[in-house]
C-alpha cells in the first residue's frame, strides 16, 4: 500500500493521467462531431463548386469587357475587390451585362437566374474582398423605423432621387433612377457600393440599422396612395394642379395665335380679291 502511494506522488504519474484524460476527451468529442464535420466538408466542396460555376459563367459572358481574370480592360474596370454586393446589384437590376460600352447603365431586363448571379458574385468575391451580399434580416424593412428613415433619406438621398424616391435629373445629362422597382437588397447594396454617380455610404457613414430605416421609409412611401393622382414624382395636388393650369393656359395661347393667323390670311385673301 505504501508502494502505491509512493508511485502516486511521482510527477510522471500525474502527467500520464492527464494525457490519458485528454485522449479520452478527444475520442469522445470526435465521435460526437464526426457527422457535423462531414457536413461542413460537403458544404465547403459545394461552395467551391459554385465558385467554379461562377468563373465559367463570368468568362463566357463578362470577360470580353472585364478580362478573363476580372483584371479589367479598356472596355471595363477591374472587379478585383469590387465584392459580391456590387456584382449582385448590377446583374439583378439588369444593368450588367452592359447594353452599350461606356454608357450610363439603366435598369433593364435580367438575363441570368438568381443562382447564376450568386455564383458569379461568389467568384468575384473569391478574388479579393469587397462588400458582401446582405443577409435577409439586414434588409428587412419591418425591422426599420420609417420616421428615422425619412430624416436620413431627406439628408442624404432626396437631393438626387427626390423626396419620395421617384428619381431626378443630375448634371452632365445623367439621372438618378427611380427606386420604385428596387428591392430592399438592391437598395442596401446601392448604398454599400455606390453605383454610377452615386457616392458610397459605408457603414461608418450610414450604419446598417440606419440603412434599414431608409429602406423602411422607401418601401412605406411607395406603398401609399399617390396624393395627386398623377405620376409626377408624388408631388401632390398643388404642384400637379399648377402644372395643369399652366398647360391649359399654354394651350389657349396657341389656339389664340392660330385663330389670329387664320384671320390675317382671310383678310389678306379678301384684299387681293377686291384689288
Protein backbone atom coordinates (compact mmCIF):
# COMPACT_ATOMS: atom_id res chain seq x y z
CA UNK A 1 0.00 0.00 0.00
CA UNK A 2 2.82 2.37 0.81
CA UNK A 3 4.42 1.40 -2.52
CA UNK A 4 1.31 2.52 -4.42
CA UNK A 5 1.12 5.79 -2.54
CA UNK A 6 4.77 6.44 -3.35
CA UNK A 7 4.12 5.87 -7.06
CA UNK A 8 1.19 8.30 -6.96
CA UNK A 9 3.38 11.02 -5.58
CA UNK A 10 5.74 10.89 -8.56
CA UNK A 11 5.21 13.76 -11.12
CA UNK A 12 5.36 11.39 -14.11
CA UNK A 13 2.28 9.56 -12.92
CA UNK A 14 0.31 12.82 -12.82
CA UNK A 15 1.34 13.75 -16.34
CA UNK A 16 0.41 10.32 -17.61
CA UNK A 17 -3.05 10.54 -16.03
CA UNK A 18 -3.59 13.99 -17.56
CA UNK A 19 -2.52 12.80 -21.00
CA UNK A 20 -4.83 9.77 -20.75
CA UNK A 21 -7.73 12.04 -19.79
CA UNK A 22 -7.11 14.33 -22.76
CA UNK A 23 -7.01 11.36 -25.14
CA UNK A 24 -10.34 10.08 -23.81
CA UNK A 25 -11.97 13.52 -24.13
CA UNK A 26 -10.66 13.88 -27.70
CA UNK A 27 -12.04 10.49 -28.71
CA UNK A 28 -15.46 11.22 -27.23
CA UNK A 29 -15.62 14.67 -28.85
CA UNK A 30 -14.56 13.25 -32.21
CA UNK A 31 -17.28 10.61 -32.14
CA UNK A 32 -19.93 13.19 -31.31
CA UNK A 33 -18.91 15.68 -34.01
CA UNK A 34 -17.92 13.36 -36.86
CA UNK A 35 -21.27 13.79 -38.60
CA UNK A 36 -21.14 17.57 -38.30
CA UNK A 37 -17.59 17.62 -39.65
CA UNK A 38 -18.67 15.66 -42.70
CA UNK A 39 -21.50 18.12 -43.33
CA UNK A 40 -19.17 21.11 -43.13
CA UNK A 41 -16.74 19.45 -45.54
CA UNK A 42 -19.57 18.84 -48.03
CA UNK A 43 -20.67 22.47 -47.72
CA UNK A 44 -17.13 23.66 -48.39
CA UNK A 45 -16.92 21.49 -51.52
CA UNK A 46 -20.30 22.83 -52.72
CA UNK A 47 -19.19 26.41 -52.20
CA UNK A 48 -16.02 25.81 -54.21
CA UNK A 49 -18.11 24.17 -56.92
CA UNK A 50 -20.39 27.22 -57.05
CA UNK A 51 -17.34 29.45 -57.43
CA UNK A 52 -16.13 27.31 -60.34
CA UNK A 53 -19.56 27.58 -61.97
CA UNK A 54 -19.43 31.33 -61.43
CA UNK A 55 -16.00 31.54 -63.02
CA UNK A 56 -17.20 29.65 -66.09
CA UNK A 57 -20.23 31.95 -66.42
CA UNK A 58 -18.05 35.02 -65.94
CA UNK A 59 -15.53 34.02 -68.56
CA UNK A 60 -18.29 33.18 -71.05
CA UNK A 61 -20.35 36.36 -70.55
CA UNK A 62 -18.31 39.08 -68.83
CA UNK A 63 -14.64 38.59 -69.70
CA UNK A 64 -14.83 40.45 -73.02
CA UNK A 65 -15.08 43.69 -71.03
CA UNK A 66 -13.61 42.82 -67.62
CA UNK A 67 -10.88 40.36 -68.64
CA UNK A 68 -10.56 36.60 -68.17
CA UNK A 69 -9.40 37.04 -64.58
CA UNK A 70 -11.61 40.11 -63.89
CA UNK A 71 -8.48 42.27 -64.04
CA UNK A 72 -10.18 44.88 -66.23
CA UNK A 73 -9.63 46.00 -69.81
CA UNK A 74 -10.02 49.20 -71.82
CA UNK A 75 -13.72 48.27 -72.13
CA UNK A 76 -14.48 47.72 -68.45
CA UNK A 77 -12.99 48.19 -64.96
CA UNK A 78 -11.28 45.61 -62.80
CA UNK A 79 -13.65 43.75 -60.49
CA UNK A 80 -10.98 42.52 -58.11
CA UNK A 81 -12.05 43.86 -54.71
CA UNK A 82 -15.45 45.02 -56.01
CA UNK A 83 -17.22 42.46 -53.84
CA UNK A 84 -20.27 40.24 -54.26
CA UNK A 85 -22.75 43.02 -53.42
CA UNK A 86 -21.66 45.16 -56.38
CA UNK A 87 -21.99 42.23 -58.79
CA UNK A 88 -25.40 41.23 -57.41
CA UNK A 89 -26.71 44.79 -57.67
CA UNK A 90 -25.53 45.34 -61.24
CA UNK A 91 -26.75 41.99 -62.55
CA UNK A 92 -30.00 41.69 -60.58
CA UNK A 93 -31.13 45.10 -61.88
CA UNK A 94 -30.24 44.26 -65.48
CA UNK A 95 -27.50 46.89 -65.68
CA UNK A 96 -24.99 44.17 -66.45
CA UNK A 97 -24.10 42.75 -68.89
CA UNK A 98 -23.91 46.28 -70.30
CA UNK A 99 -26.02 47.08 -73.34
CA UNK A 100 -23.52 49.68 -74.55
CA UNK A 101 -19.89 50.08 -73.53
CA UNK A 102 -19.14 53.42 -71.84
CA UNK A 103 -22.80 54.45 -71.47
CA UNK A 104 -24.57 55.06 -68.19
CA UNK A 105 -26.31 51.81 -67.38
CA UNK A 106 -30.01 51.86 -66.56
CA UNK A 107 -32.28 49.17 -65.13
CA UNK A 108 -33.25 46.62 -67.74
CA UNK A 109 -34.31 43.00 -68.22
CA UNK A 110 -32.38 40.48 -66.12
CA UNK A 111 -30.63 37.90 -68.30
CA UNK A 112 -29.42 35.50 -65.59
CA UNK A 113 -31.15 33.47 -62.90
CA UNK A 114 -30.65 34.36 -59.25
CA UNK A 115 -28.49 31.26 -58.73
CA UNK A 116 -26.26 32.20 -61.67
CA UNK A 117 -25.88 35.75 -60.37
CA UNK A 118 -24.95 34.45 -56.92
CA UNK A 119 -22.38 32.09 -58.45
CA UNK A 120 -20.74 34.91 -60.43
CA UNK A 121 -20.83 37.14 -57.35
CA UNK A 122 -19.21 34.36 -55.33
CA UNK A 123 -16.43 34.04 -57.90
CA UNK A 124 -15.71 37.79 -57.83
CA UNK A 125 -15.79 37.72 -54.03
CA UNK A 126 -13.20 34.91 -54.04
CA UNK A 127 -10.78 37.17 -55.92
CA UNK A 128 -10.45 39.55 -53.00
CA UNK A 129 -12.76 41.28 -50.58
CA UNK A 130 -15.40 43.93 -51.13
CA UNK A 131 -18.90 44.25 -49.62
CA UNK A 132 -20.86 41.01 -49.26
CA UNK A 133 -24.49 40.46 -50.22
CA UNK A 134 -26.53 41.43 -47.14
CA UNK A 135 -28.48 38.80 -45.25
CA UNK A 136 -32.31 38.96 -45.42
CA UNK A 137 -32.61 40.21 -41.83
CA UNK A 138 -30.26 43.10 -42.61
CA UNK A 139 -32.62 44.48 -45.26
CA UNK A 140 -35.97 43.60 -43.66
CA UNK A 141 -37.99 46.86 -43.73
CA UNK A 142 -40.19 45.57 -40.88
CA UNK A 143 -37.19 45.96 -38.58
CA UNK A 144 -36.62 49.58 -39.59
CA UNK A 145 -38.16 52.88 -38.48
CA UNK A 146 -39.75 54.79 -41.41
CA UNK A 147 -39.73 58.04 -39.40
CA UNK A 148 -35.98 57.89 -38.83
CA UNK A 149 -35.57 56.69 -42.41
CA UNK A 150 -37.36 59.80 -43.71
CA UNK A 151 -34.89 62.07 -41.91
CA UNK A 152 -31.91 60.09 -43.19
CA UNK A 153 -33.28 59.90 -46.73
CA UNK A 154 -34.01 63.64 -46.79
CA UNK A 155 -30.47 64.44 -45.64
CA UNK A 156 -28.58 62.02 -47.87
CA UNK A 157 -30.70 60.83 -50.81
CA UNK A 158 -33.55 63.18 -51.71
CA UNK A 159 -31.31 65.70 -53.49
CA UNK A 160 -30.88 63.19 -56.32
CA UNK A 161 -33.72 60.67 -56.02
CA UNK A 162 -36.46 63.11 -54.98
CA UNK A 163 -38.15 63.15 -51.59
CA UNK A 164 -40.24 60.08 -52.48
CA UNK A 165 -37.56 58.15 -54.39
CA UNK A 166 -39.10 58.80 -57.81
CA UNK A 167 -35.75 59.79 -59.35
CA UNK A 168 -34.48 63.04 -60.81
CA UNK A 169 -32.10 64.72 -63.24
CA UNK A 170 -28.40 65.25 -62.48
CA UNK A 171 -25.70 67.28 -64.18
CA UNK A 172 -24.00 66.34 -67.47
CA UNK A 173 -27.08 64.58 -68.77
CA UNK A 174 -27.08 61.95 -66.03
CA UNK A 175 -30.06 60.97 -63.91
CA UNK A 176 -30.77 59.35 -60.57
CA UNK A 177 -33.08 56.37 -61.11
CA UNK A 178 -36.44 55.82 -59.52
CA UNK A 179 -36.40 53.46 -56.54
CA UNK A 180 -39.93 52.18 -57.13
CA UNK A 181 -38.74 48.89 -58.66
CA UNK A 182 -35.76 48.36 -56.34
CA UNK A 183 -35.85 45.53 -53.82
CA UNK A 184 -34.65 46.09 -50.24
CA UNK A 185 -31.49 44.09 -51.05
CA UNK A 186 -30.75 46.24 -54.10
CA UNK A 187 -31.26 49.47 -52.13
CA UNK A 188 -28.90 48.26 -49.40
CA UNK A 189 -26.30 47.18 -51.97
CA UNK A 190 -26.50 50.51 -53.78
CA UNK A 191 -25.69 52.32 -50.54
CA UNK A 192 -22.79 49.93 -49.90
CA UNK A 193 -21.24 50.10 -53.37
CA UNK A 194 -22.18 53.48 -54.88
CA UNK A 195 -23.08 52.54 -58.47
CA UNK A 196 -22.68 55.06 -61.30
CA UNK A 197 -22.72 58.64 -59.96
CA UNK A 198 -23.96 57.62 -56.50
CA UNK A 199 -21.50 58.04 -53.61
CA UNK A 200 -20.62 55.13 -51.34
CA UNK A 201 -22.38 55.18 -47.97
CA UNK A 202 -20.25 52.80 -45.94
CA UNK A 203 -21.23 51.56 -42.51
CA UNK A 204 -19.11 54.34 -40.98
CA UNK A 205 -21.29 56.95 -42.73
CA UNK A 206 -24.70 55.30 -42.50
CA UNK A 207 -24.86 52.37 -40.10
CA UNK A 208 -26.56 49.08 -41.03
CA UNK A 209 -29.52 49.95 -38.77
CA UNK A 210 -29.85 53.35 -40.46
CA UNK A 211 -29.73 51.71 -43.88
CA UNK A 212 -32.61 49.52 -42.78
CA UNK A 213 -34.51 52.62 -41.61
CA UNK A 214 -34.05 54.19 -45.06
CA UNK A 215 -35.34 51.01 -46.71
CA UNK A 216 -38.34 51.05 -44.38
CA UNK A 217 -39.15 54.64 -45.41
CA UNK A 218 -38.80 53.93 -49.15
CA UNK A 219 -40.99 50.82 -49.07
CA UNK A 220 -43.61 52.51 -46.87
CA UNK A 221 -43.77 55.59 -49.10
CA UNK A 222 -44.23 53.80 -52.38
CA UNK A 223 -46.97 51.64 -50.85
CA UNK A 224 -49.05 54.74 -50.08
CA UNK A 225 -51.70 56.10 -52.44
CA UNK A 226 -50.39 58.81 -54.77
CA UNK A 227 -51.71 62.09 -53.26
CA UNK A 228 -52.04 63.83 -56.61
CA UNK A 229 -53.33 61.04 -58.77
CA UNK A 230 -50.71 61.54 -61.49
CA UNK A 231 -47.23 60.06 -61.76
CA UNK A 232 -45.26 63.27 -61.26
CA UNK A 233 -42.86 62.17 -58.57
CA UNK A 234 -45.64 62.09 -55.94
CA UNK A 235 -45.51 65.87 -55.74
CA UNK A 236 -49.12 66.27 -54.63
CA UNK A 237 -52.27 68.06 -55.77
CA UNK A 238 -50.93 71.64 -55.58
CA UNK A 239 -47.99 71.08 -57.91
CA UNK A 240 -49.99 68.90 -60.26
CA UNK A 241 -52.79 71.46 -60.32
CA UNK A 242 -50.32 74.24 -61.14
CA UNK A 243 -48.87 72.15 -63.95
CA UNK A 244 -52.36 71.51 -65.32
CA UNK A 245 -53.21 75.23 -65.15
CA UNK A 246 -50.01 76.21 -66.98
CA UNK A 247 -50.60 73.52 -69.58
CA UNK A 248 -54.17 74.72 -70.16
CA UNK A 249 -53.04 78.34 -70.39
CA UNK A 250 -50.38 77.41 -72.94
CA UNK A 251 -52.97 75.56 -75.00
CA UNK A 252 -55.27 78.61 -75.03
CA UNK A 253 -52.38 80.84 -76.14
CA UNK A 254 -51.63 78.51 -79.04
CA UNK A 255 -55.31 78.49 -80.07
CA UNK A 256 -55.39 82.31 -79.96
CA UNK A 257 -52.26 82.51 -82.13
CA UNK A 258 -53.73 80.06 -84.62
CA UNK A 259 -57.02 81.99 -84.85
CA UNK A 260 -55.14 85.28 -85.31
CA UNK A 261 -53.02 83.80 -88.10
CA UNK A 262 -56.12 82.44 -89.86
CA UNK A 263 -57.87 85.83 -89.62
CA UNK A 264 -54.86 87.56 -91.14
CA UNK A 265 -54.85 85.08 -94.01
CA UNK A 266 -58.58 85.64 -94.55
CA UNK A 267 -58.20 89.45 -94.58
CA UNK A 268 -55.27 89.21 -96.98
CA UNK A 269 -57.25 86.96 -99.33
CA UNK A 270 -60.22 89.36 -99.38
CA UNK A 271 -57.91 92.33 -100.03
CA UNK A 272 -56.34 90.57 -103.03
CA UNK A 273 -59.79 89.63 -104.35
CA UNK A 274 -61.09 93.23 -104.29
CA UNK A 275 -57.96 94.58 -105.89
